[in-house]
Amino acid sequence: MAKHLQKEIANLKDTILRLCAIVEKRVELAADAIQERDVDIAREVIESDIEIDDMEVEVEEECLKILALHQPVAVDLRIIVAMLKINNDLERIGDLAVNIAERGSYLATQKAIPSTFDFSTMAEKVMAMLRQSLDSFVEMDTELALQVCAADDEVDDINRKMHEQVEALIKGDANDVSMLIHLLSVSRHFERIADHATNIAEDVIYMIKGDIVRHKAESFNEES
């Protein structure tokens, strides 16, 4: 029974890793759609969302089946619970990539994005966080997971500055309100992806050590 459980957990992890790769690619393409003002790339992200949704349901059903059939305890139970949560975060990241792509599809039809909006830097930081959170899951590396938690504040700061820029530009010229709101939405969606990447990193720490570090990753790091 124990060997069968371990095999099912291993198969489940393989499925989640495939989902990780798909989600990571979708975020990358969504960022490209914004930077390159490319409607075709945006459409590709939007139309592929069903694939992520289907895989998310598949993973959830498999997790619930393992819980019902094997009633795992201790480490095995933590792994299943963490993978359920990671699965949900990946699906939400996929949705946010679609949201960014939808904004990108609109912005591609408008005049050039103001130079004050440096989405390339924000996208790079968010992509790095997402990649590190997924790597921490693959490698079961708590140190890498904690680095993701620490990086979240940087993305929050960028989002805050973009919000201030939008307010200033709206006060200066109300003609571009629609475009500016879309730009603000893009920033907010990237910031939310960073939040979900942080959630994944926190779940990895829980999976490995059994510690719930939500809201206290920094203090946990000091104790380690």
Protein backbone atom coordinates (compact mmCIF):
# COMPACT_ATOMS: atom_id res chain seq x y z
CA MET A 1 0.00 0.00 0.00
CA ALA A 2 2.81 2.44 0.92
CA LYS A 3 4.61 1.82 -2.38
CA HIS A 4 1.39 2.35 -4.30
CA LEU A 5 0.80 5.64 -2.48
CA GLN A 6 4.31 6.87 -3.23
CA LYS A 7 3.87 6.00 -6.90
CA GLU A 8 0.61 7.93 -7.08
CA ILE A 9 2.20 10.93 -5.35
CA ALA A 10 5.10 10.81 -7.83
CA ASN A 11 2.67 10.68 -10.77
CA LEU A 12 0.73 13.58 -9.29
CA LYS A 13 3.89 15.64 -8.95
CA ASP A 14 4.76 14.93 -12.59
CA THR A 15 1.36 16.24 -13.66
CA ILE A 16 1.79 19.40 -11.60
CA LEU A 17 5.24 19.95 -13.10
CA ARG A 18 3.71 19.79 -16.57
CA LEU A 19 1.14 22.34 -15.44
CA CYS A 20 3.96 24.50 -14.04
CA ALA A 21 5.70 24.55 -17.42
CA ILE A 22 2.51 25.51 -19.25
CA VAL A 23 1.62 28.28 -16.80
CA GLU A 24 5.13 29.71 -16.84
CA LYS A 25 5.06 29.86 -20.66
CA ARG A 26 1.66 31.58 -20.64
CA VAL A 27 2.91 34.32 -18.31
CA GLU A 28 5.96 34.81 -20.51
CA LEU A 29 3.76 35.12 -23.62
CA ALA A 30 1.39 37.53 -21.86
CA ALA A 31 4.36 39.74 -21.01
CA ASP A 32 5.51 39.55 -24.63
CA ALA A 33 2.04 40.59 -25.81
CA ILE A 34 2.35 43.77 -23.73
CA GLN A 35 5.95 44.57 -24.67
CA GLU A 36 5.58 43.82 -28.37
CA ARG A 37 2.00 45.11 -28.73
CA ASP A 38 1.17 41.83 -30.44
CA VAL A 39 -2.50 40.87 -30.77
CA ASP A 40 -1.67 37.37 -32.09
CA ILE A 41 0.40 36.50 -29.02
CA ALA A 42 -2.34 37.85 -26.77
CA ARG A 43 -4.92 35.70 -28.57
CA GLU A 44 -2.75 32.60 -28.15
CA VAL A 45 -2.69 33.09 -24.37
CA ILE A 46 -6.42 33.73 -24.17
CA GLU A 47 -7.40 30.72 -26.27
CA SER A 48 -5.12 28.32 -24.39
CA ASP A 49 -6.68 28.98 -20.97
CA ILE A 50 -8.95 25.94 -21.25
CA GLU A 51 -5.90 23.65 -21.21
CA ILE A 52 -4.81 24.99 -17.81
CA ASP A 53 -8.37 24.75 -16.45
CA ASP A 54 -8.67 21.11 -17.53
CA MET A 55 -5.32 20.18 -15.94
CA GLU A 56 -6.24 21.97 -12.70
CA VAL A 57 -9.41 19.87 -12.43
CA GLU A 58 -7.44 16.71 -13.22
CA VAL A 59 -4.91 17.41 -10.45
CA GLU A 60 -7.61 18.26 -7.90
CA GLU A 61 -9.55 15.09 -8.66
CA GLU A 62 -6.38 13.01 -8.33
CA CYS A 63 -5.50 14.62 -4.99
CA LEU A 64 -8.98 13.96 -3.62
CA LYS A 65 -8.84 10.36 -4.84
CA ILE A 66 -5.51 9.76 -3.07
CA LEU A 67 -6.86 11.31 0.14
CA ALA A 68 -9.96 9.11 0.03
CA LEU A 69 -8.26 5.85 -0.90
CA HIS A 70 -5.05 6.04 1.11
CA GLN A 71 -5.86 8.43 3.98
CA PRO A 72 -2.23 9.62 4.12
CA VAL A 73 -0.74 11.05 7.32
CA ALA A 74 2.29 13.11 8.36
CA VAL A 75 4.60 14.03 5.46
CA ASP A 76 2.47 12.36 2.80
CA LEU A 77 -0.61 14.28 3.95
CA ARG A 78 1.34 17.58 3.90
CA ILE A 79 2.53 16.87 0.37
CA ILE A 80 -1.01 16.22 -0.91
CA VAL A 81 -2.43 19.31 0.83
CA ALA A 82 0.40 21.49 -0.46
CA MET A 83 -0.02 20.20 -4.01
CA LEU A 84 -3.74 20.94 -3.87
CA LYS A 85 -2.93 24.54 -2.92
CA ILE A 86 -0.13 24.89 -5.48
CA ASN A 87 -2.50 23.55 -8.14
CA ASN A 88 -5.03 26.27 -7.29
CA ASP A 89 -2.36 29.00 -7.39
CA LEU A 90 -1.16 27.80 -10.80
CA GLU A 91 -4.70 27.98 -12.18
CA ARG A 92 -5.10 31.52 -10.83
CA ILE A 93 -1.77 32.54 -12.38
CA GLY A 94 -3.05 31.18 -15.69
CA ASP A 95 -6.18 33.33 -15.33
CA LEU A 96 -4.06 36.40 -14.58
CA ALA A 97 -1.93 35.73 -17.67
CA VAL A 98 -5.17 35.76 -19.69
CA ASN A 99 -6.17 39.05 -18.05
CA ILE A 100 -2.81 40.57 -19.00
CA ALA A 101 -3.17 39.27 -22.55
CA GLU A 102 -6.65 40.80 -22.81
CA ARG A 103 -5.27 44.15 -21.71
CA GLY A 104 -2.42 43.69 -24.18
CA SER A 105 -4.85 43.01 -27.01
CA TYR A 106 -6.57 46.34 -26.29
CA LEU A 107 -3.36 48.32 -25.77
CA ALA A 108 -1.98 47.07 -29.08
CA THR A 109 -4.70 49.12 -30.81
CA GLN A 110 -3.87 52.29 -28.89
CA LYS A 111 -1.00 54.73 -29.08
CA ALA A 112 2.39 53.75 -27.66
CA ILE A 113 2.62 53.01 -23.94
CA PRO A 114 4.09 55.97 -22.02
CA SER A 115 7.81 55.48 -21.33
CA THR A 116 7.20 55.93 -17.61
CA PHE A 117 5.63 52.45 -17.51
CA ASP A 118 8.54 50.03 -17.34
CA PHE A 119 6.67 46.73 -17.62
CA SER A 120 9.81 44.91 -18.76
CA THR A 121 11.46 45.29 -15.34
CA MET A 122 8.28 44.30 -13.52
CA ALA A 123 7.69 41.30 -15.80
CA GLU A 124 11.29 40.13 -15.36
CA LYS A 125 11.02 40.28 -11.56
CA VAL A 126 7.67 38.48 -11.55
CA MET A 127 8.92 35.82 -13.97
CA ALA A 128 12.01 35.29 -11.80
CA MET A 129 9.81 34.85 -8.72
CA LEU A 130 7.55 32.39 -10.50
CA ARG A 131 10.48 30.42 -11.86
CA GLN A 132 12.17 30.29 -8.45
CA SER A 133 8.97 29.21 -6.70
CA LEU A 134 8.54 26.36 -9.19
CA ASP A 135 12.22 25.43 -8.89
CA SER A 136 11.87 25.33 -5.11
CA PHE A 137 9.02 22.85 -5.59
CA VAL A 138 11.00 20.68 -8.03
CA GLU A 139 14.15 20.72 -5.87
CA MET A 140 12.31 20.80 -2.51
CA ASP A 141 14.51 23.77 -1.56
CA THR A 142 13.33 25.94 1.35
CA GLU A 143 16.12 28.50 0.91
CA LEU A 144 15.01 29.16 -2.65
CA ALA A 145 11.40 29.40 -1.49
CA LEU A 146 12.35 32.01 1.10
CA GLN A 147 14.08 34.08 -1.57
CA VAL A 148 10.77 34.24 -3.41
CA CYS A 149 8.98 35.44 -0.28
CA ALA A 150 11.59 38.17 0.22
CA ALA A 151 11.28 39.39 -3.39
CA ASP A 152 7.53 40.05 -3.16
CA ASP A 153 8.01 43.49 -1.60
CA GLU A 154 9.97 44.68 -4.66
CA VAL A 155 7.07 43.91 -6.97
CA ASP A 156 4.63 45.56 -4.55
CA ASP A 157 6.77 48.73 -4.67
CA ILE A 158 6.76 48.77 -8.49
CA ASN A 159 2.98 48.35 -8.55
CA ARG A 160 2.59 51.17 -6.03
CA LYS A 161 4.76 53.51 -8.10
CA MET A 162 2.81 52.71 -11.26
CA HIS A 163 -0.43 53.51 -9.42
CA GLU A 164 1.03 56.90 -8.44
CA GLN A 165 2.09 57.52 -12.04
CA VAL A 166 -1.41 56.77 -13.32
CA GLU A 167 -2.93 59.19 -10.83
CA ALA A 168 -0.51 61.92 -11.91
CA LEU A 169 -1.12 61.34 -15.63
CA ILE A 170 -4.91 61.32 -15.22
CA LYS A 171 -4.74 64.65 -13.43
CA GLY A 172 -2.60 66.02 -16.26
CA ASP A 173 -4.62 64.68 -19.21
CA ALA A 174 -8.03 63.06 -18.87
CA ASN A 175 -8.10 62.05 -22.55
CA ASP A 176 -6.06 58.90 -21.93
CA VAL A 177 -8.02 57.60 -18.94
CA SER A 178 -9.12 54.36 -20.63
CA MET A 179 -5.60 53.42 -21.69
CA LEU A 180 -4.16 54.37 -18.30
CA ILE A 181 -6.70 52.19 -16.49
CA HIS A 182 -5.70 49.25 -18.69
CA LEU A 183 -2.04 49.91 -17.89
CA LEU A 184 -2.85 49.98 -14.19
CA SER A 185 -4.69 46.67 -14.57
CA VAL A 186 -1.63 45.10 -16.19
CA SER A 187 0.52 46.22 -13.27
CA ARG A 188 -1.99 44.89 -10.76
CA HIS A 189 -2.21 41.52 -12.53
CA PHE A 190 1.58 41.13 -12.51
CA GLU A 191 1.58 42.00 -8.81
CA ARG A 192 -1.02 39.31 -8.16
CA ILE A 193 1.07 36.74 -10.04
CA ALA A 194 3.93 37.60 -7.68
CA ASP A 195 1.56 37.02 -4.74
CA HIS A 196 0.64 33.57 -6.06
CA ALA A 197 4.30 32.74 -6.65
CA THR A 198 4.87 33.65 -3.00
CA ASN A 199 1.98 31.38 -2.00
CA ILE A 200 3.61 28.50 -3.87
CA ALA A 201 6.93 29.15 -2.12
CA GLU A 202 5.20 29.18 1.27
CA ASP A 203 3.46 25.91 0.44
CA VAL A 204 6.82 24.35 -0.48
CA ILE A 205 8.16 25.31 2.95
CA TYR A 206 5.08 23.78 4.57
CA MET A 207 5.48 20.65 2.47
CA ILE A 208 9.10 20.17 3.53
CA LYS A 209 9.15 21.37 7.13
CA GLY A 210 5.52 21.41 8.22
CA ASP A 211 5.83 25.11 9.12
CA ILE A 212 3.09 27.53 8.10
CA VAL A 213 5.11 30.65 7.28
CA ARG A 214 2.37 32.74 5.73
CA HIS A 215 2.75 36.35 6.94
CA LYS A 216 6.01 35.51 8.72
CA ALA A 217 8.47 34.22 6.08
CA GLU A 218 11.05 36.82 7.10
CA SER A 219 11.10 35.77 10.76
CA PHE A 220 11.22 32.11 9.73
CA ASN A 221 14.27 32.88 7.63
CA GLU A 222 16.02 34.43 10.62
CA GLU A 223 15.38 31.33 12.70
CA SER A 224 16.62 28.87 10.05
